[in-house]
Amino acid sequence: MSRLQFSARSRADLAELWDRIADDSHRNADDVHERLHERCLQLIDQPLIGHRRDEVKTGLRCINSDGYSIFYRLTGTTVRISRIVHHARYLGRISFDEP
């Protein structure tokens, strides 16, 4: 079983997307946030369900939920969520580097 860890940037991504959705509906924002979190939790037991995204950054993997791409890395038994971005965003302008 793996351990799940969120980067500071992925936490900020979640907060920002909640704020955007909440402009229209707090309930919808809560629902999307919950589904994204549940999707991330799936990675604890199934860390290889995502697709490799080496063309974006070496070692990245990705799963999708609710129109968002959840980018993560596997390091030993840790699944580290790197970023959570809308699927239509141009990935060339997004930083996946972590401090």
Protein backbone atom coordinates (compact mmCIF):
# COMPACT_ATOMS: atom_id res chain seq x y z
CA MET A 1 0.00 0.00 0.00
CA SER A 2 1.27 3.45 -0.94
CA ARG A 3 1.21 6.68 1.02
CA LEU A 4 -0.47 9.77 -0.48
CA GLN A 5 1.14 13.18 -0.26
CA PHE A 6 -0.01 16.51 -1.76
CA SER A 7 2.50 19.14 -2.82
CA ALA A 8 1.92 22.70 -1.66
CA ARG A 9 1.16 23.63 -5.29
CA SER A 10 -1.46 20.88 -5.67
CA ARG A 11 -3.17 22.10 -2.49
CA ALA A 12 -3.20 25.62 -3.95
CA ASP A 13 -4.59 24.22 -7.22
CA LEU A 14 -7.47 22.62 -5.29
CA ALA A 15 -8.22 25.85 -3.44
CA GLU A 16 -8.15 27.89 -6.66
CA LEU A 17 -10.44 25.53 -8.55
CA TRP A 18 -12.84 25.44 -5.61
CA ASP A 19 -12.94 29.26 -5.62
CA ARG A 20 -13.64 29.39 -9.37
CA ILE A 21 -16.47 26.86 -9.18
CA ALA A 22 -17.86 28.39 -5.97
CA ASP A 23 -18.42 31.68 -7.81
CA ASP A 24 -21.41 29.86 -9.31
CA SER A 25 -22.20 27.25 -6.65
CA HIS A 26 -20.60 26.28 -3.35
CA ARG A 27 -22.31 22.93 -3.49
CA ASN A 28 -20.86 22.15 -6.93
CA ALA A 29 -17.43 23.29 -5.74
CA ASP A 30 -17.67 20.95 -2.74
CA ASP A 31 -18.81 18.05 -4.95
CA VAL A 32 -15.99 18.46 -7.48
CA HIS A 33 -13.43 18.88 -4.70
CA GLU A 34 -14.66 15.69 -3.01
CA ARG A 35 -14.57 13.66 -6.26
CA LEU A 36 -11.05 14.88 -7.04
CA HIS A 37 -9.91 13.93 -3.55
CA GLU A 38 -11.53 10.48 -3.84
CA ARG A 39 -9.80 9.97 -7.19
CA CYS A 40 -6.48 10.82 -5.56
CA LEU A 41 -7.20 8.32 -2.78
CA GLN A 42 -7.55 5.58 -5.42
CA LEU A 43 -3.83 5.99 -6.07
CA ILE A 44 -3.01 4.61 -2.62
CA ASP A 45 -4.07 1.11 -3.68
CA GLN A 46 -3.61 1.48 -7.45
CA PRO A 47 -0.69 3.86 -8.10
CA LEU A 48 -0.20 2.62 -11.67
CA ILE A 49 -3.73 3.37 -12.93
CA GLY A 50 -2.58 6.65 -14.41
CA HIS A 51 -0.87 7.20 -17.72
CA ARG A 52 2.81 8.06 -18.01
CA ARG A 53 3.31 11.69 -19.04
CA ASP A 54 7.05 11.77 -19.64
CA GLU A 55 6.47 14.16 -22.55
CA VAL A 56 5.39 16.74 -19.97
CA LYS A 57 8.00 15.96 -17.33
CA THR A 58 10.01 12.80 -16.80
CA GLY A 59 8.44 10.61 -14.13
CA LEU A 60 5.00 12.21 -14.16
CA ARG A 61 1.82 10.18 -14.34
CA CYS A 62 -1.74 11.44 -14.75
CA ILE A 63 -5.32 10.49 -13.99
CA ASN A 64 -8.44 12.50 -14.80
CA SER A 65 -11.59 13.47 -12.96
CA ASP A 66 -14.30 16.06 -13.59
CA GLY A 67 -12.40 17.72 -16.41
CA TYR A 68 -9.21 18.05 -14.38
CA SER A 69 -5.88 16.29 -14.77
CA ILE A 70 -4.22 15.06 -11.60
CA PHE A 71 -0.47 14.85 -12.12
CA TYR A 72 1.55 12.75 -9.72
CA ARG A 73 4.86 10.96 -9.19
CA LEU A 74 5.68 7.63 -7.63
CA THR A 75 8.66 7.65 -5.30
CA GLY A 76 9.13 4.36 -3.53
CA THR A 77 5.86 3.79 -1.70
CA THR A 78 4.80 7.46 -1.85
CA VAL A 79 2.34 8.86 -4.38
CA ARG A 80 2.98 12.61 -4.51
CA ILE A 81 0.30 14.74 -6.15
CA SER A 82 2.21 17.40 -8.05
CA ARG A 83 -0.50 19.50 -9.76
CA ILE A 84 -4.24 19.47 -10.44
CA VAL A 85 -5.10 21.46 -13.56
CA HIS A 86 -8.01 21.85 -15.93
CA HIS A 87 -7.63 19.44 -18.84
CA ALA A 88 -7.77 22.27 -21.41
CA ARG A 89 -4.78 24.17 -19.99
CA TYR A 90 -1.63 24.37 -22.08
CA LEU A 91 0.83 22.24 -20.13
CA GLY A 92 3.90 23.92 -21.60
CA ARG A 93 3.33 26.92 -19.32
CA ILE A 94 2.74 24.98 -16.12
CA SER A 95 5.55 24.31 -13.68
CA PHE A 96 5.80 20.78 -12.40
CA ASP A 97 9.02 21.37 -10.51
CA GLU A 98 8.80 21.08 -6.78
CA PRO A 99 10.96 22.77 -4.19
